[in-house]
Amino acid sequence: MTKTATYSVMHMVVAISVAYALTGSWIVALGIGLVQPVVQTVAYHLHERAWSFGDPRGHSRRKVTIDTAQAAA
């Protein structure tokens, strides 16, 4: 959990820094830096859903897990 939190903070700092470098405005940079991770999260979720839907050959990309306790029984 700590790794995820620190990565999120780092991502936000990078986004704000890049936005500031491009715009020269801290207000715009903070707006972009705070909104961009939220948009990225939604985009990632949609990408994962589309990816898990399957490929053109009809093979599912969903992972199948097997409970080893049930498999041994």
PDB file of N, CA and C in Angstrom:
ATOM      1  N   MET A   1       0.828  -1.188   0.000  1.00  0.00           N
ATOM      2  CA  MET A   1       0.000   0.000   0.000  1.00  0.00           C
ATOM      3  C   MET A   1       0.876   1.257   0.000  1.00  0.00           C
ATOM      4  N   THR A   2       1.959   1.210   0.763  1.00  0.00           N
ATOM      5  CA  THR A   2       2.861   2.360   0.825  1.00  0.00           C
ATOM      6  C   THR A   2       3.488   2.631  -0.538  1.00  0.00           C
ATOM      7  N   LYS A   3       3.884   1.574  -1.227  1.00  0.00           N
ATOM      8  CA  LYS A   3       4.489   1.730  -2.550  1.00  0.00           C
ATOM      9  C   LYS A   3       3.504   2.392  -3.513  1.00  0.00           C
ATOM     10  N   THR A   4       2.242   1.972  -3.478  1.00  0.00           N
ATOM     11  CA  THR A   4       1.218   2.556  -4.341  1.00  0.00           C
ATOM     12  C   THR A   4       1.017   4.031  -4.018  1.00  0.00           C
ATOM     13  N   ALA A   5       0.963   4.363  -2.741  1.00  0.00           N
ATOM     14  CA  ALA A   5       0.761   5.751  -2.328  1.00  0.00           C
ATOM     15  C   ALA A   5       1.932   6.632  -2.755  1.00  0.00           C
ATOM     16  N   THR A   6       3.157   6.150  -2.553  1.00  0.00           N
ATOM     17  CA  THR A   6       4.309   6.965  -2.930  1.00  0.00           C
ATOM     18  C   THR A   6       4.409   7.100  -4.452  1.00  0.00           C
ATOM     19  N   TYR A   7       4.031   6.057  -5.183  1.00  0.00           N
ATOM     20  CA  TYR A   7       4.028   6.146  -6.645  1.00  0.00           C
ATOM     21  C   TYR A   7       3.000   7.180  -7.103  1.00  0.00           C
ATOM     22  N   SER A   8       1.843   7.197  -6.464  1.00  0.00           N
ATOM     23  CA  SER A   8       0.799   8.170  -6.825  1.00  0.00           C
ATOM     24  C   SER A   8       1.279   9.599  -6.594  1.00  0.00           C
ATOM     25  N   VAL A   9       1.946   9.814  -5.473  1.00  0.00           N
ATOM     26  CA  VAL A   9       2.471  11.150  -5.172  1.00  0.00           C
ATOM     27  C   VAL A   9       3.537  11.534  -6.203  1.00  0.00           C
ATOM     28  N   MET A  10       4.437  10.592  -6.511  1.00  0.00           N
ATOM     29  CA  MET A  10       5.477  10.859  -7.500  1.00  0.00           C
ATOM     30  C   MET A  10       4.847  11.186  -8.858  1.00  0.00           C
ATOM     31  N   HIS A  11       3.827  10.428  -9.252  1.00  0.00           N
ATOM     32  CA  HIS A  11       3.141  10.655 -10.524  1.00  0.00           C
ATOM     33  C   HIS A  11       2.547  12.063 -10.558  1.00  0.00           C
ATOM     34  N   MET A  12       1.936  12.478  -9.470  1.00  0.00           N
ATOM     35  CA  MET A  12       1.331  13.800  -9.403  1.00  0.00           C
ATOM     36  C   MET A  12       2.398  14.896  -9.485  1.00  0.00           C
ATOM     37  N   VAL A  13       3.515  14.711  -8.795  1.00  0.00           N
ATOM     38  CA  VAL A  13       4.603  15.693  -8.826  1.00  0.00           C
ATOM     39  C   VAL A  13       5.170  15.810 -10.243  1.00  0.00           C
ATOM     40  N   VAL A  14       5.352  14.677 -10.914  1.00  0.00           N
ATOM     41  CA  VAL A  14       5.861  14.705 -12.292  1.00  0.00           C
ATOM     42  C   VAL A  14       4.868  15.417 -13.208  1.00  0.00           C
ATOM     43  N   ALA A  15       3.587  15.092 -13.076  1.00  0.00           N
ATOM     44  CA  ALA A  15       2.565  15.722 -13.922  1.00  0.00           C
ATOM     45  C   ALA A  15       2.527  17.230 -13.695  1.00  0.00           C
ATOM     46  N   ILE A  16       2.594  17.659 -12.449  1.00  0.00           N
ATOM     47  CA  ILE A  16       2.582  19.095 -12.138  1.00  0.00           C
ATOM     48  C   ILE A  16       3.833  19.767 -12.684  1.00  0.00           C
ATOM     49  N   SER A  17       4.970  19.114 -12.524  1.00  0.00           N
ATOM     50  CA  SER A  17       6.233  19.688 -13.004  1.00  0.00           C
ATOM     51  C   SER A  17       6.247  19.851 -14.516  1.00  0.00           C
ATOM     52  N   VAL A  18       5.790  18.825 -15.227  1.00  0.00           N
ATOM     53  CA  VAL A  18       5.747  18.899 -16.690  1.00  0.00           C
ATOM     54  C   VAL A  18       4.755  19.977 -17.135  1.00  0.00           C
ATOM     55  N   ALA A  19       3.600  20.015 -16.502  1.00  0.00           N
ATOM     56  CA  ALA A  19       2.601  21.028 -16.861  1.00  0.00           C
ATOM     57  C   ALA A  19       3.132  22.438 -16.597  1.00  0.00           C
ATOM     58  N   TYR A  20       3.864  22.607 -15.501  1.00  0.00           N
ATOM     59  CA  TYR A  20       4.445  23.928 -15.212  1.00  0.00           C
ATOM     60  C   TYR A  20       5.516  24.286 -16.245  1.00  0.00           C
ATOM     61  N   ALA A  21       6.341  23.313 -16.598  1.00  0.00           N
ATOM     62  CA  ALA A  21       7.389  23.564 -17.585  1.00  0.00           C
ATOM     63  C   ALA A  21       6.789  23.976 -18.935  1.00  0.00           C
ATOM     64  N   LEU A  22       5.653  23.410 -19.273  1.00  0.00           N
ATOM     65  CA  LEU A  22       5.017  23.718 -20.553  1.00  0.00           C
ATOM     66  C   LEU A  22       4.204  25.002 -20.539  1.00  0.00           C
ATOM     67  N   THR A  23       3.599  25.320 -19.380  1.00  0.00           N
ATOM     68  CA  THR A  23       2.702  26.475 -19.327  1.00  0.00           C
ATOM     69  C   THR A  23       3.290  27.693 -18.620  1.00  0.00           C
ATOM     70  N   GLY A  24       4.195  27.454 -17.669  1.00  0.00           N
ATOM     71  CA  GLY A  24       4.741  28.560 -16.889  1.00  0.00           C
ATOM     72  C   GLY A  24       3.777  29.070 -15.830  1.00  0.00           C
ATOM     73  N   SER A  25       2.683  28.381 -15.618  1.00  0.00           N
ATOM     74  CA  SER A  25       1.670  28.801 -14.654  1.00  0.00           C
ATOM     75  C   SER A  25       1.465  27.713 -13.604  1.00  0.00           C
ATOM     76  N   TRP A  26       1.651  28.089 -12.321  1.00  0.00           N
ATOM     77  CA  TRP A  26       1.437  27.113 -11.250  1.00  0.00           C
ATOM     78  C   TRP A  26      -0.037  26.741 -11.123  1.00  0.00           C
ATOM     79  N   ILE A  27      -0.930  27.679 -11.374  1.00  0.00           N
ATOM     80  CA  ILE A  27      -2.366  27.400 -11.277  1.00  0.00           C
ATOM     81  C   ILE A  27      -2.775  26.347 -12.308  1.00  0.00           C
ATOM     82  N   VAL A  28      -2.366  26.554 -13.545  1.00  0.00           N
ATOM     83  CA  VAL A  28      -2.674  25.590 -14.603  1.00  0.00           C
ATOM     84  C   VAL A  28      -1.994  24.256 -14.305  1.00  0.00           C
ATOM     85  N   ALA A  29      -0.740  24.311 -13.868  1.00  0.00           N
ATOM     86  CA  ALA A  29       0.018  23.088 -13.569  1.00  0.00           C
ATOM     87  C   ALA A  29      -0.648  22.283 -12.456  1.00  0.00           C
ATOM     88  N   LEU A  30      -1.099  22.954 -11.410  1.00  0.00           N
ATOM     89  CA  LEU A  30      -1.784  22.244 -10.319  1.00  0.00           C
ATOM     90  C   LEU A  30      -3.096  21.644 -10.799  1.00  0.00           C
ATOM     91  N   GLY A  31      -3.823  22.380 -11.622  1.00  0.00           N
ATOM     92  CA  GLY A  31      -5.077  21.854 -12.165  1.00  0.00           C
ATOM     93  C   GLY A  31      -4.845  20.603 -12.997  1.00  0.00           C
ATOM     94  N   ILE A  32      -3.873  20.667 -13.888  1.00  0.00           N
ATOM     95  CA  ILE A  32      -3.553  19.510 -14.727  1.00  0.00           C
ATOM     96  C   ILE A  32      -3.025  18.366 -13.872  1.00  0.00           C
ATOM     97  N   GLY A  33      -2.128  18.683 -12.955  1.00  0.00           N
ATOM     98  CA  GLY A  33      -1.504  17.658 -12.127  1.00  0.00           C
ATOM     99  C   GLY A  33      -2.466  16.944 -11.201  1.00  0.00           C
ATOM    100  N   LEU A  34      -3.539  17.598 -10.818  1.00  0.00           N
ATOM    101  CA  LEU A  34      -4.527  16.962  -9.951  1.00  0.00           C
ATOM    102  C   LEU A  34      -5.600  16.221 -10.736  1.00  0.00           C
ATOM    103  N   VAL A  35      -5.918  16.697 -11.920  1.00  0.00           N
ATOM    104  CA  VAL A  35      -6.960  16.068 -12.735  1.00  0.00           C
ATOM    105  C   VAL A  35      -6.404  14.895 -13.547  1.00  0.00           C
ATOM    106  N   GLN A  36      -5.194  15.011 -14.047  1.00  0.00           N
ATOM    107  CA  GLN A  36      -4.612  14.003 -14.930  1.00  0.00           C
ATOM    108  C   GLN A  36      -4.585  12.604 -14.315  1.00  0.00           C
ATOM    109  N   PRO A  37      -4.182  12.419 -13.051  1.00  0.00           N
ATOM    110  CA  PRO A  37      -4.195  11.058 -12.499  1.00  0.00           C
ATOM    111  C   PRO A  37      -5.590  10.444 -12.437  1.00  0.00           C
ATOM    112  N   VAL A  38      -6.596  11.251 -12.202  1.00  0.00           N
ATOM    113  CA  VAL A  38      -7.969  10.742 -12.169  1.00  0.00           C
ATOM    114  C   VAL A  38      -8.382  10.280 -13.568  1.00  0.00           C
ATOM    115  N   VAL A  39      -8.100  11.108 -14.570  1.00  0.00           N
ATOM    116  CA  VAL A  39      -8.422  10.745 -15.947  1.00  0.00           C
ATOM    117  C   VAL A  39      -7.649   9.493 -16.354  1.00  0.00           C
ATOM    118  N   GLN A  40      -6.378   9.417 -15.960  1.00  0.00           N
ATOM    119  CA  GLN A  40      -5.553   8.256 -16.286  1.00  0.00           C
ATOM    120  C   GLN A  40      -6.112   6.982 -15.652  1.00  0.00           C
ATOM    121  N   THR A  41      -6.611   7.085 -14.431  1.00  0.00           N
ATOM    122  CA  THR A  41      -7.192   5.932 -13.744  1.00  0.00           C
ATOM    123  C   THR A  41      -8.424   5.425 -14.485  1.00  0.00           C
ATOM    124  N   VAL A  42      -9.286   6.325 -14.918  1.00  0.00           N
ATOM    125  CA  VAL A  42     -10.486   5.937 -15.664  1.00  0.00           C
ATOM    126  C   VAL A  42     -10.076   5.317 -17.002  1.00  0.00           C
ATOM    127  N   ALA A  43      -9.103   5.929 -17.672  1.00  0.00           N
ATOM    128  CA  ALA A  43      -8.643   5.397 -18.960  1.00  0.00           C
ATOM    129  C   ALA A  43      -8.051   4.001 -18.780  1.00  0.00           C
ATOM    130  N   TYR A  44      -7.300   3.798 -17.711  1.00  0.00           N
ATOM    131  CA  TYR A  44      -6.708   2.483 -17.442  1.00  0.00           C
ATOM    132  C   TYR A  44      -7.799   1.436 -17.226  1.00  0.00           C
ATOM    133  N   HIS A  45      -8.818   1.798 -16.458  1.00  0.00           N
ATOM    134  CA  HIS A  45      -9.931   0.888 -16.188  1.00  0.00           C
ATOM    135  C   HIS A  45     -10.626   0.496 -17.501  1.00  0.00           C
ATOM    136  N   LEU A  46     -10.892   1.473 -18.353  1.00  0.00           N
ATOM    137  CA  LEU A  46     -11.544   1.189 -19.636  1.00  0.00           C
ATOM    138  C   LEU A  46     -10.655   0.331 -20.528  1.00  0.00           C
ATOM    139  N   HIS A  47      -9.361   0.601 -20.508  1.00  0.00           N
ATOM    140  CA  HIS A  47      -8.413  -0.199 -21.296  1.00  0.00           C
ATOM    141  C   HIS A  47      -8.399  -1.642 -20.809  1.00  0.00           C
ATOM    142  N   GLU A  48      -8.393  -1.854 -19.507  1.00  0.00           N
ATOM    143  CA  GLU A  48      -8.395  -3.204 -18.953  1.00  0.00           C
ATOM    144  C   GLU A  48      -9.669  -3.960 -19.332  1.00  0.00           C
ATOM    145  N   ARG A  49     -10.792  -3.272 -19.281  1.00  0.00           N
ATOM    146  CA  ARG A  49     -12.057  -3.910 -19.665  1.00  0.00           C
ATOM    147  C   ARG A  49     -12.039  -4.310 -21.133  1.00  0.00           C
ATOM    148  N   ALA A  50     -11.561  -3.410 -21.983  1.00  0.00           N
ATOM    149  CA  ALA A  50     -11.491  -3.714 -23.411  1.00  0.00           C
ATOM    150  C   ALA A  50     -10.500  -4.846 -23.658  1.00  0.00           C
ATOM    151  N   TRP A  51      -9.384  -4.838 -22.973  1.00  0.00           N
ATOM    152  CA  TRP A  51      -8.353  -5.857 -23.160  1.00  0.00           C
ATOM    153  C   TRP A  51      -8.859  -7.229 -22.728  1.00  0.00           C
ATOM    154  N   SER A  52      -9.600  -7.292 -21.615  1.00  0.00           N
ATOM    155  CA  SER A  52     -10.059  -8.576 -21.095  1.00  0.00           C
ATOM    156  C   SER A  52     -11.248  -9.124 -21.886  1.00  0.00           C
ATOM    157  N   PHE A  53     -11.820  -8.309 -22.757  1.00  0.00           N
ATOM    158  CA  PHE A  53     -12.973  -8.748 -23.547  1.00  0.00           C
ATOM    159  C   PHE A  53     -12.604  -9.905 -24.455  1.00  0.00           C
ATOM    160  N   GLY A  54     -11.389  -9.902 -24.957  1.00  0.00           N
ATOM    161  CA  GLY A  54     -10.940 -10.979 -25.833  1.00  0.00           C
ATOM    162  C   GLY A  54     -10.224 -10.432 -27.043  1.00  0.00           C
ATOM    163  N   ASP A  55      -9.633 -11.313 -27.810  1.00  0.00           N
ATOM    164  CA  ASP A  55      -8.941 -10.873 -29.010  1.00  0.00           C
ATOM    165  C   ASP A  55      -9.713 -11.327 -30.252  1.00  0.00           C
ATOM    166  N   PRO A  56      -9.327 -10.850 -31.422  1.00  0.00           N
ATOM    167  CA  PRO A  56     -10.069 -11.166 -32.647  1.00  0.00           C
ATOM    168  C   PRO A  56     -10.146 -12.656 -32.968  1.00  0.00           C
ATOM    169  N   ARG A  57      -9.221 -13.452 -32.448  1.00  0.00           N
ATOM    170  CA  ARG A  57      -9.238 -14.892 -32.725  1.00  0.00           C
ATOM    171  C   ARG A  57     -10.223 -15.635 -31.822  1.00  0.00           C
ATOM    172  N   GLY A  58     -10.853 -14.894 -30.911  1.00  0.00           N
ATOM    173  CA  GLY A  58     -11.843 -15.518 -30.044  1.00  0.00           C
ATOM    174  C   GLY A  58     -11.292 -16.074 -28.744  1.00  0.00           C
ATOM    175  N   HIS A  59     -10.007 -15.853 -28.488  1.00  0.00           N
ATOM    176  CA  HIS A  59      -9.416 -16.328 -27.246  1.00  0.00           C
ATOM    177  C   HIS A  59      -9.603 -15.282 -26.156  1.00  0.00           C
ATOM    178  N   SER A  60     -10.066 -15.706 -25.037  1.00  0.00           N
ATOM    179  CA  SER A  60     -10.251 -14.785 -23.925  1.00  0.00           C
ATOM    180  C   SER A  60      -8.901 -14.492 -23.293  1.00  0.00           C
ATOM    181  N   ARG A  61      -8.714 -13.270 -22.879  1.00  0.00           N
ATOM    182  CA  ARG A  61      -7.485 -12.895 -22.187  1.00  0.00           C
ATOM    183  C   ARG A  61      -7.676 -12.917 -20.681  1.00  0.00           C
ATOM    184  N   ARG A  62      -8.829 -13.332 -20.235  1.00  0.00           N
ATOM    185  CA  ARG A  62      -9.082 -13.383 -18.793  1.00  0.00           C
ATOM    186  C   ARG A  62      -8.223 -14.480 -18.173  1.00  0.00           C
ATOM    187  N   LYS A  63      -7.690 -14.179 -16.991  1.00  0.00           N
ATOM    188  CA  LYS A  63      -6.870 -15.163 -16.306  1.00  0.00           C
ATOM    189  C   LYS A  63      -7.749 -16.192 -15.634  1.00  0.00           C
ATOM    190  N   VAL A  64      -7.341 -17.431 -15.685  1.00  0.00           N
ATOM    191  CA  VAL A  64      -8.061 -18.505 -15.026  1.00  0.00           C
ATOM    192  C   VAL A  64      -7.194 -18.957 -13.856  1.00  0.00           C
ATOM    193  N   THR A  65      -7.784 -18.972 -12.684  1.00  0.00           N
ATOM    194  CA  THR A  65      -7.041 -19.427 -11.519  1.00  0.00           C
ATOM    195  C   THR A  65      -7.641 -20.733 -11.035  1.00  0.00           C
ATOM    196  N   ILE A  66      -6.802 -21.597 -10.514  1.00  0.00           N
ATOM    197  CA  ILE A  66      -7.242 -22.874 -10.016  1.00  0.00           C
ATOM    198  C   ILE A  66      -6.910 -22.952  -8.541  1.00  0.00           C
ATOM    199  N   ASP A  67      -7.900 -23.291  -7.760  1.00  0.00           N
ATOM    200  CA  ASP A  67      -7.689 -23.482  -6.333  1.00  0.00           C
ATOM    201  C   ASP A  67      -6.959 -24.805  -6.157  1.00  0.00           C
ATOM    202  N   THR A  68      -5.714 -24.754  -5.687  1.00  0.00           N
ATOM    203  CA  THR A  68      -4.902 -25.972  -5.593  1.00  0.00           C
ATOM    204  C   THR A  68      -5.472 -26.961  -4.589  1.00  0.00           C
ATOM    205  N   ALA A  69      -6.179 -26.484  -3.580  1.00  0.00           N
ATOM    206  CA  ALA A  69      -6.775 -27.399  -2.615  1.00  0.00           C
ATOM    207  C   ALA A  69      -7.894 -28.210  -3.274  1.00  0.00           C
ATOM    208  N   GLN A  70      -8.687 -27.567  -4.115  1.00  0.00           N
ATOM    209  CA  GLN A  70      -9.748 -28.271  -4.814  1.00  0.00           C
ATOM    210  C   GLN A  70      -9.181 -29.171  -5.903  1.00  0.00           C
ATOM    211  N   ALA A  71      -8.110 -28.723  -6.564  1.00  0.00           N
ATOM    212  CA  ALA A  71      -7.516 -29.523  -7.632  1.00  0.00           C
ATOM    213  C   ALA A  71      -6.912 -30.817  -7.088  1.00  0.00           C
ATOM    214  N   ALA A  72      -6.386 -30.764  -5.861  1.00  0.00           N
ATOM    215  CA  ALA A  72      -5.761 -31.946  -5.260  1.00  0.00           C
ATOM    216  C   ALA A  72      -6.807 -32.948  -4.770  1.00  0.00           C
ATOM    217  N   ALA A  73      -8.024 -32.479  -4.504  1.00  0.00           N
ATOM    218  CA  ALA A  73      -9.070 -33.351  -3.957  1.00  0.00           C
ATOM    219  C   ALA A  73      -9.666 -34.269  -4.984  1.00  0.00           C
TER     220      ALA A  73
END
